[in-house]
Amino acid sequence: MVIEISCIEVWREISNYIDDTIDAELRARMDRHFRNCKHCTAILEGTSNTVRLVVDDAAFELPGGFSERLLKRLSSLPAAPEKE
């Protein structure tokens, strides 16, 4: 039986997915989710790109106003539910 995974669950595990520290069943569920969810796929690609930039220790100049636009965008995203 296939159990779907929500976007919130994907967001919680995206770092572990990139680091390949999740079990095969969760990876398969997330892979199916990425095939059907453009939003989460974009988050995965963005997070993966960020990790590559940090690991490469690449430094570059950001376009003017980038930080403000990023903060505005991040503040508009729904908050993840608090863990108990």
PDB file of N, CA and C in Angstrom:
ATOM      1  N   MET A   1       0.832  -1.179   0.000  1.00  0.00           N
ATOM      2  CA  MET A   1       0.000   0.000   0.000  1.00  0.00           C
ATOM      3  C   MET A   1       0.882   1.251   0.000  1.00  0.00           C
ATOM      4  N   VAL A   2       0.585   2.195  -0.882  1.00  0.00           N
ATOM      5  CA  VAL A   2       1.355   3.432  -0.998  1.00  0.00           C
ATOM      6  C   VAL A   2       0.754   4.470  -0.050  1.00  0.00           C
ATOM      7  N   ILE A   3       1.581   5.007   0.824  1.00  0.00           N
ATOM      8  CA  ILE A   3       1.135   6.055   1.733  1.00  0.00           C
ATOM      9  C   ILE A   3       1.741   7.364   1.236  1.00  0.00           C
ATOM     10  N   GLU A   4       0.866   8.322   0.922  1.00  0.00           N
ATOM     11  CA  GLU A   4       1.327   9.614   0.418  1.00  0.00           C
ATOM     12  C   GLU A   4       2.044  10.386   1.518  1.00  0.00           C
ATOM     13  N   ILE A   5       2.784  11.388   1.122  1.00  0.00           N
ATOM     14  CA  ILE A   5       3.511  12.240   2.059  1.00  0.00           C
ATOM     15  C   ILE A   5       3.140  13.687   1.743  1.00  0.00           C
ATOM     16  N   SER A   6       2.949  14.482   2.777  1.00  0.00           N
ATOM     17  CA  SER A   6       2.556  15.879   2.590  1.00  0.00           C
ATOM     18  C   SER A   6       3.776  16.756   2.323  1.00  0.00           C
ATOM     19  N   CYS A   7       3.506  17.936   1.819  1.00  0.00           N
ATOM     20  CA  CYS A   7       4.586  18.902   1.583  1.00  0.00           C
ATOM     21  C   CYS A   7       5.316  19.218   2.883  1.00  0.00           C
ATOM     22  N   ILE A   8       4.585  19.379   3.966  1.00  0.00           N
ATOM     23  CA  ILE A   8       5.207  19.697   5.260  1.00  0.00           C
ATOM     24  C   ILE A   8       6.183  18.595   5.657  1.00  0.00           C
ATOM     25  N   GLU A   9       5.777  17.341   5.491  1.00  0.00           N
ATOM     26  CA  GLU A   9       6.670  16.229   5.819  1.00  0.00           C
ATOM     27  C   GLU A   9       7.908  16.239   4.916  1.00  0.00           C
ATOM     28  N   VAL A  10       7.711  16.550   3.640  1.00  0.00           N
ATOM     29  CA  VAL A  10       8.832  16.631   2.703  1.00  0.00           C
ATOM     30  C   VAL A  10       9.800  17.717   3.160  1.00  0.00           C
ATOM     31  N   TRP A  11       9.267  18.886   3.527  1.00  0.00           N
ATOM     32  CA  TRP A  11      10.130  19.999   3.952  1.00  0.00           C
ATOM     33  C   TRP A  11      10.941  19.622   5.183  1.00  0.00           C
ATOM     34  N   ARG A  12      10.323  18.883   6.105  1.00  0.00           N
ATOM     35  CA  ARG A  12      11.039  18.467   7.325  1.00  0.00           C
ATOM     36  C   ARG A  12      12.205  17.538   7.007  1.00  0.00           C
ATOM     37  N   GLU A  13      12.062  16.742   5.962  1.00  0.00           N
ATOM     38  CA  GLU A  13      13.058  15.707   5.654  1.00  0.00           C
ATOM     39  C   GLU A  13      13.972  16.050   4.486  1.00  0.00           C
ATOM     40  N   ILE A  14      13.824  17.227   3.899  1.00  0.00           N
ATOM     41  CA  ILE A  14      14.546  17.520   2.660  1.00  0.00           C
ATOM     42  C   ILE A  14      16.065  17.490   2.851  1.00  0.00           C
ATOM     43  N   SER A  15      16.538  17.977   3.984  1.00  0.00           N
ATOM     44  CA  SER A  15      17.983  17.940   4.249  1.00  0.00           C
ATOM     45  C   SER A  15      18.469  16.496   4.375  1.00  0.00           C
ATOM     46  N   ASN A  16      17.701  15.676   5.082  1.00  0.00           N
ATOM     47  CA  ASN A  16      18.070  14.261   5.214  1.00  0.00           C
ATOM     48  C   ASN A  16      18.015  13.549   3.863  1.00  0.00           C
ATOM     49  N   TYR A  17      17.054  13.938   3.021  1.00  0.00           N
ATOM     50  CA  TYR A  17      16.956  13.377   1.671  1.00  0.00           C
ATOM     51  C   TYR A  17      18.224  13.697   0.879  1.00  0.00           C
ATOM     52  N   ILE A  18      18.637  14.963   0.925  1.00  0.00           N
ATOM     53  CA  ILE A  18      19.842  15.384   0.200  1.00  0.00           C
ATOM     54  C   ILE A  18      21.073  14.663   0.752  1.00  0.00           C
ATOM     55  N   ASP A  19      21.131  14.508   2.087  1.00  0.00           N
ATOM     56  CA  ASP A  19      22.274  13.842   2.725  1.00  0.00           C
ATOM     57  C   ASP A  19      22.205  12.318   2.609  1.00  0.00           C
ATOM     58  N   ASP A  20      21.096  11.804   2.061  1.00  0.00           N
ATOM     59  CA  ASP A  20      20.869  10.367   1.897  1.00  0.00           C
ATOM     60  C   ASP A  20      20.927   9.628   3.237  1.00  0.00           C
ATOM     61  N   THR A  21      20.241  10.227   4.229  1.00  0.00           N
ATOM     62  CA  THR A  21      20.215   9.600   5.558  1.00  0.00           C
ATOM     63  C   THR A  21      18.796   9.166   5.941  1.00  0.00           C
ATOM     64  N   ILE A  22      17.953   8.917   4.951  1.00  0.00           N
ATOM     65  CA  ILE A  22      16.600   8.429   5.213  1.00  0.00           C
ATOM     66  C   ILE A  22      16.478   6.999   4.706  1.00  0.00           C
ATOM     67  N   ASP A  23      15.493   6.290   5.231  1.00  0.00           N
ATOM     68  CA  ASP A  23      15.326   4.902   4.801  1.00  0.00           C
ATOM     69  C   ASP A  23      14.722   4.838   3.395  1.00  0.00           C
ATOM     70  N   ALA A  24      14.823   3.672   2.800  1.00  0.00           N
ATOM     71  CA  ALA A  24      14.405   3.487   1.401  1.00  0.00           C
ATOM     72  C   ALA A  24      12.918   3.761   1.205  1.00  0.00           C
ATOM     73  N   GLU A  25      12.084   3.402   2.173  1.00  0.00           N
ATOM     74  CA  GLU A  25      10.641   3.615   2.048  1.00  0.00           C
ATOM     75  C   GLU A  25      10.312   5.107   2.011  1.00  0.00           C
ATOM     76  N   LEU A  26      10.928   5.891   2.903  1.00  0.00           N
ATOM     77  CA  LEU A  26      10.690   7.332   2.913  1.00  0.00           C
ATOM     78  C   LEU A  26      11.237   7.970   1.634  1.00  0.00           C
ATOM     79  N   ARG A  27      12.399   7.540   1.180  1.00  0.00           N
ATOM     80  CA  ARG A  27      12.965   8.067  -0.060  1.00  0.00           C
ATOM     81  C   ARG A  27      12.012   7.809  -1.234  1.00  0.00           C
ATOM     82  N   ALA A  28      11.444   6.623  -1.302  1.00  0.00           N
ATOM     83  CA  ALA A  28      10.510   6.296  -2.390  1.00  0.00           C
ATOM     84  C   ALA A  28       9.270   7.187  -2.322  1.00  0.00           C
ATOM     85  N   ARG A  29       8.747   7.407  -1.113  1.00  0.00           N
ATOM     86  CA  ARG A  29       7.583   8.283  -0.950  1.00  0.00           C
ATOM     87  C   ARG A  29       7.914   9.708  -1.384  1.00  0.00           C
ATOM     88  N   MET A  30       9.098  10.190  -0.994  1.00  0.00           N
ATOM     89  CA  MET A  30       9.495  11.549  -1.368  1.00  0.00           C
ATOM     90  C   MET A  30       9.724  11.642  -2.872  1.00  0.00           C
ATOM     91  N   ASP A  31      10.331  10.624  -3.473  1.00  0.00           N
ATOM     92  CA  ASP A  31      10.536  10.624  -4.924  1.00  0.00           C
ATOM     93  C   ASP A  31       9.197  10.727  -5.661  1.00  0.00           C
ATOM     94  N   ARG A  32       8.197   9.971  -5.202  1.00  0.00           N
ATOM     95  CA  ARG A  32       6.865  10.053  -5.818  1.00  0.00           C
ATOM     96  C   ARG A  32       6.284  11.458  -5.647  1.00  0.00           C
ATOM     97  N   HIS A  33       6.479  12.023  -4.462  1.00  0.00           N
ATOM     98  CA  HIS A  33       5.964  13.368  -4.194  1.00  0.00           C
ATOM     99  C   HIS A  33       6.623  14.380  -5.137  1.00  0.00           C
ATOM    100  N   PHE A  34       7.934  14.293  -5.303  1.00  0.00           N
ATOM    101  CA  PHE A  34       8.647  15.234  -6.179  1.00  0.00           C
ATOM    102  C   PHE A  34       8.170  15.122  -7.628  1.00  0.00           C
ATOM    103  N   ARG A  35       7.796  13.932  -8.061  1.00  0.00           N
ATOM    104  CA  ARG A  35       7.296  13.770  -9.425  1.00  0.00           C
ATOM    105  C   ARG A  35       5.984  14.515  -9.653  1.00  0.00           C
ATOM    106  N   ASN A  36       5.222  14.736  -8.577  1.00  0.00           N
ATOM    107  CA  ASN A  36       3.896  15.340  -8.706  1.00  0.00           C
ATOM    108  C   ASN A  36       3.777  16.739  -8.113  1.00  0.00           C
ATOM    109  N   CYS A  37       4.803  17.231  -7.435  1.00  0.00           N
ATOM    110  CA  CYS A  37       4.705  18.531  -6.753  1.00  0.00           C
ATOM    111  C   CYS A  37       5.827  19.459  -7.233  1.00  0.00           C
ATOM    112  N   LYS A  38       5.462  20.395  -8.078  1.00  0.00           N
ATOM    113  CA  LYS A  38       6.452  21.327  -8.619  1.00  0.00           C
ATOM    114  C   LYS A  38       7.045  22.218  -7.533  1.00  0.00           C
ATOM    115  N   HIS A  39       6.218  22.584  -6.547  1.00  0.00           N
ATOM    116  CA  HIS A  39       6.694  23.467  -5.475  1.00  0.00           C
ATOM    117  C   HIS A  39       7.807  22.784  -4.670  1.00  0.00           C
ATOM    118  N   CYS A  40       7.560  21.552  -4.248  1.00  0.00           N
ATOM    119  CA  CYS A  40       8.576  20.834  -3.468  1.00  0.00           C
ATOM    120  C   CYS A  40       9.809  20.510  -4.309  1.00  0.00           C
ATOM    121  N   THR A  41       9.600  20.237  -5.590  1.00  0.00           N
ATOM    122  CA  THR A  41      10.740  19.995  -6.480  1.00  0.00           C
ATOM    123  C   THR A  41      11.614  21.244  -6.570  1.00  0.00           C
ATOM    124  N   ALA A  42      10.992  22.410  -6.642  1.00  0.00           N
ATOM    125  CA  ALA A  42      11.750  23.667  -6.676  1.00  0.00           C
ATOM    126  C   ALA A  42      12.516  23.867  -5.377  1.00  0.00           C
ATOM    127  N   ILE A  43      11.896  23.535  -4.245  1.00  0.00           N
ATOM    128  CA  ILE A  43      12.580  23.654  -2.954  1.00  0.00           C
ATOM    129  C   ILE A  43      13.761  22.695  -2.898  1.00  0.00           C
ATOM    130  N   LEU A  44      13.565  21.468  -3.377  1.00  0.00           N
ATOM    131  CA  LEU A  44      14.661  20.493  -3.415  1.00  0.00           C
ATOM    132  C   LEU A  44      15.814  21.012  -4.263  1.00  0.00           C
ATOM    133  N   GLU A  45      15.515  21.508  -5.450  1.00  0.00           N
ATOM    134  CA  GLU A  45      16.566  22.010  -6.339  1.00  0.00           C
ATOM    135  C   GLU A  45      17.275  23.214  -5.720  1.00  0.00           C
ATOM    136  N   GLY A  46      16.516  24.125  -5.135  1.00  0.00           N
ATOM    137  CA  GLY A  46      17.121  25.296  -4.504  1.00  0.00           C
ATOM    138  C   GLY A  46      17.999  24.927  -3.327  1.00  0.00           C
ATOM    139  N   THR A  47      17.513  24.003  -2.502  1.00  0.00           N
ATOM    140  CA  THR A  47      18.293  23.563  -1.348  1.00  0.00           C
ATOM    141  C   THR A  47      19.558  22.847  -1.800  1.00  0.00           C
ATOM    142  N   SER A  48      19.434  21.985  -2.802  1.00  0.00           N
ATOM    143  CA  SER A  48      20.601  21.270  -3.336  1.00  0.00           C
ATOM    144  C   SER A  48      21.624  22.247  -3.902  1.00  0.00           C
ATOM    145  N   ASN A  49      21.154  23.253  -4.613  1.00  0.00           N
ATOM    146  CA  ASN A  49      22.061  24.267  -5.165  1.00  0.00           C
ATOM    147  C   ASN A  49      22.766  25.027  -4.049  1.00  0.00           C
ATOM    148  N   THR A  50      22.040  25.365  -3.002  1.00  0.00           N
ATOM    149  CA  THR A  50      22.637  26.084  -1.873  1.00  0.00           C
ATOM    150  C   THR A  50      23.711  25.240  -1.208  1.00  0.00           C
ATOM    151  N   VAL A  51      23.416  23.966  -1.002  1.00  0.00           N
ATOM    152  CA  VAL A  51      24.399  23.066  -0.391  1.00  0.00           C
ATOM    153  C   VAL A  51      25.651  22.993  -1.261  1.00  0.00           C
ATOM    154  N   ARG A  52      25.469  22.866  -2.570  1.00  0.00           N
ATOM    155  CA  ARG A  52      26.635  22.812  -3.472  1.00  0.00           C
ATOM    156  C   ARG A  52      27.465  24.093  -3.392  1.00  0.00           C
ATOM    157  N   LEU A  53      26.808  25.247  -3.332  1.00  0.00           N
ATOM    158  CA  LEU A  53      27.536  26.516  -3.246  1.00  0.00           C
ATOM    159  C   LEU A  53      28.322  26.619  -1.947  1.00  0.00           C
ATOM    160  N   VAL A  54      27.712  26.190  -0.854  1.00  0.00           N
ATOM    161  CA  VAL A  54      28.388  26.260   0.445  1.00  0.00           C
ATOM    162  C   VAL A  54      29.564  25.292   0.479  1.00  0.00           C
ATOM    163  N   VAL A  55      29.347  24.077  -0.021  1.00  0.00           N
ATOM    164  CA  VAL A  55      30.410  23.074  -0.027  1.00  0.00           C
ATOM    165  C   VAL A  55      31.565  23.522  -0.923  1.00  0.00           C
ATOM    166  N   ASP A  56      31.226  24.148  -2.065  1.00  0.00           N
ATOM    167  CA  ASP A  56      32.260  24.625  -2.982  1.00  0.00           C
ATOM    168  C   ASP A  56      32.985  25.851  -2.452  1.00  0.00           C
ATOM    169  N   ASP A  57      32.453  26.441  -1.366  1.00  0.00           N
ATOM    170  CA  ASP A  57      33.020  27.654  -0.778  1.00  0.00           C
ATOM    171  C   ASP A  57      33.100  28.774  -1.810  1.00  0.00           C
ATOM    172  N   ALA A  58      32.116  28.791  -2.728  1.00  0.00           N
ATOM    173  CA  ALA A  58      32.077  29.820  -3.763  1.00  0.00           C
ATOM    174  C   ALA A  58      31.559  31.134  -3.176  1.00  0.00           C
ATOM    175  N   ALA A  59      32.212  32.193  -3.512  1.00  0.00           N
ATOM    176  CA  ALA A  59      31.780  33.520  -3.073  1.00  0.00           C
ATOM    177  C   ALA A  59      31.462  34.343  -4.314  1.00  0.00           C
ATOM    178  N   PHE A  60      30.341  35.043  -4.261  1.00  0.00           N
ATOM    179  CA  PHE A  60      29.970  35.883  -5.388  1.00  0.00           C
ATOM    180  C   PHE A  60      29.093  37.010  -4.883  1.00  0.00           C
ATOM    181  N   GLU A  61      28.999  38.030  -5.657  1.00  0.00           N
ATOM    182  CA  GLU A  61      28.208  39.204  -5.328  1.00  0.00           C
ATOM    183  C   GLU A  61      26.735  38.947  -5.654  1.00  0.00           C
ATOM    184  N   LEU A  62      25.865  39.199  -4.678  1.00  0.00           N
ATOM    185  CA  LEU A  62      24.425  39.044  -4.909  1.00  0.00           C
ATOM    186  C   LEU A  62      23.869  40.313  -5.542  1.00  0.00           C
ATOM    187  N   PRO A  63      22.831  40.176  -6.350  1.00  0.00           N
ATOM    188  CA  PRO A  63      22.210  41.360  -6.962  1.00  0.00           C
ATOM    189  C   PRO A  63      21.617  42.267  -5.883  1.00  0.00           C
ATOM    190  N   GLY A  64      21.560  43.549  -6.167  1.00  0.00           N
ATOM    191  CA  GLY A  64      20.986  44.510  -5.237  1.00  0.00           C
ATOM    192  C   GLY A  64      19.569  44.140  -4.857  1.00  0.00           C
ATOM    193  N   GLY A  65      19.245  44.248  -3.572  1.00  0.00           N
ATOM    194  CA  GLY A  65      17.910  43.968  -3.084  1.00  0.00           C
ATOM    195  C   GLY A  65      17.589  42.498  -2.908  1.00  0.00           C
ATOM    196  N   PHE A  66      18.548  41.611  -3.201  1.00  0.00           N
ATOM    197  CA  PHE A  66      18.284  40.180  -3.119  1.00  0.00           C
ATOM    198  C   PHE A  66      17.884  39.755  -1.711  1.00  0.00           C
ATOM    199  N   SER A  67      18.627  40.217  -0.706  1.00  0.00           N
ATOM    200  CA  SER A  67      18.344  39.816   0.671  1.00  0.00           C
ATOM    201  C   SER A  67      16.937  40.211   1.091  1.00  0.00           C
ATOM    202  N   GLU A  68      16.527  41.422   0.726  1.00  0.00           N
ATOM    203  CA  GLU A  68      15.193  41.893   1.088  1.00  0.00           C
ATOM    204  C   GLU A  68      14.111  41.050   0.409  1.00  0.00           C
ATOM    205  N   ARG A  69      14.309  40.740  -0.878  1.00  0.00           N
ATOM    206  CA  ARG A  69      13.339  39.918  -1.600  1.00  0.00           C
ATOM    207  C   ARG A  69      13.269  38.509  -1.012  1.00  0.00           C
ATOM    208  N   LEU A  70      14.417  37.957  -0.652  1.00  0.00           N
ATOM    209  CA  LEU A  70      14.456  36.623  -0.069  1.00  0.00           C
ATOM    210  C   LEU A  70      13.718  36.606   1.269  1.00  0.00           C
ATOM    211  N   LEU A  71      14.003  37.562   2.134  1.00  0.00           N
ATOM    212  CA  LEU A  71      13.330  37.618   3.427  1.00  0.00           C
ATOM    213  C   LEU A  71      11.823  37.787   3.267  1.00  0.00           C
ATOM    214  N   LYS A  72      11.413  38.616   2.327  1.00  0.00           N
ATOM    215  CA  LYS A  72       9.981  38.823   2.075  1.00  0.00           C
ATOM    216  C   LYS A  72       9.338  37.516   1.623  1.00  0.00           C
ATOM    217  N   ARG A  73       9.991  36.811   0.718  1.00  0.00           N
ATOM    218  CA  ARG A  73       9.455  35.541   0.208  1.00  0.00           C
ATOM    219  C   ARG A  73       9.393  34.499   1.313  1.00  0.00           C
ATOM    220  N   LEU A  74      10.448  34.388   2.103  1.00  0.00           N
ATOM    221  CA  LEU A  74      10.466  33.404   3.178  1.00  0.00           C
ATOM    222  C   LEU A  74       9.393  33.690   4.221  1.00  0.00           C
ATOM    223  N   SER A  75       9.164  34.951   4.510  1.00  0.00           N
ATOM    224  CA  SER A  75       8.153  35.292   5.514  1.00  0.00           C
ATOM    225  C   SER A  75       6.735  35.031   5.009  1.00  0.00           C
ATOM    226  N   SER A  76       6.555  34.895   3.699  1.00  0.00           N
ATOM    227  CA  SER A  76       5.223  34.634   3.157  1.00  0.00           C
ATOM    228  C   SER A  76       4.897  33.142   3.105  1.00  0.00           C
ATOM    229  N   LEU A  77       5.879  32.277   3.354  1.00  0.00           N
ATOM    230  CA  LEU A  77       5.647  30.829   3.319  1.00  0.00           C
ATOM    231  C   LEU A  77       4.923  30.391   4.592  1.00  0.00           C
ATOM    232  N   PRO A  78       4.089  29.356   4.492  1.00  0.00           N
ATOM    233  CA  PRO A  78       3.418  28.874   5.703  1.00  0.00           C
ATOM    234  C   PRO A  78       4.423  28.292   6.676  1.00  0.00           C
ATOM    235  N   ALA A  79       4.191  28.537   7.939  1.00  0.00           N
ATOM    236  CA  ALA A  79       5.085  28.014   8.966  1.00  0.00           C
ATOM    237  C   ALA A  79       4.855  26.523   9.140  1.00  0.00           C
ATOM    238  N   ALA A  80       5.930  25.796   9.381  1.00  0.00           N
ATOM    239  CA  ALA A  80       5.811  24.374   9.663  1.00  0.00           C
ATOM    240  C   ALA A  80       5.237  24.212  11.065  1.00  0.00           C
ATOM    241  N   PRO A  81       4.402  23.203  11.272  1.00  0.00           N
ATOM    242  CA  PRO A  81       3.856  22.990  12.610  1.00  0.00           C
ATOM    243  C   PRO A  81       4.978  22.669  13.589  1.00  0.00           C
ATOM    244  N   GLU A  82       4.797  23.097  14.826  1.00  0.00           N
ATOM    245  CA  GLU A  82       5.809  22.847  15.849  1.00  0.00           C
ATOM    246  C   GLU A  82       5.819  21.377  16.209  1.00  0.00           C
ATOM    247  N   LYS A  83       7.032  20.865  16.455  1.00  0.00           N
ATOM    248  CA  LYS A  83       7.174  19.474  16.890  1.00  0.00           C
ATOM    249  C   LYS A  83       6.905  19.413  18.384  1.00  0.00           C
ATOM    250  N   GLU A  84       6.321  18.326  18.793  1.00  0.00           N
ATOM    251  CA  GLU A  84       6.036  18.159  20.224  1.00  0.00           C
ATOM    252  C   GLU A  84       7.183  17.518  20.928  1.00  0.00           C
TER     253      GLU A  84
END
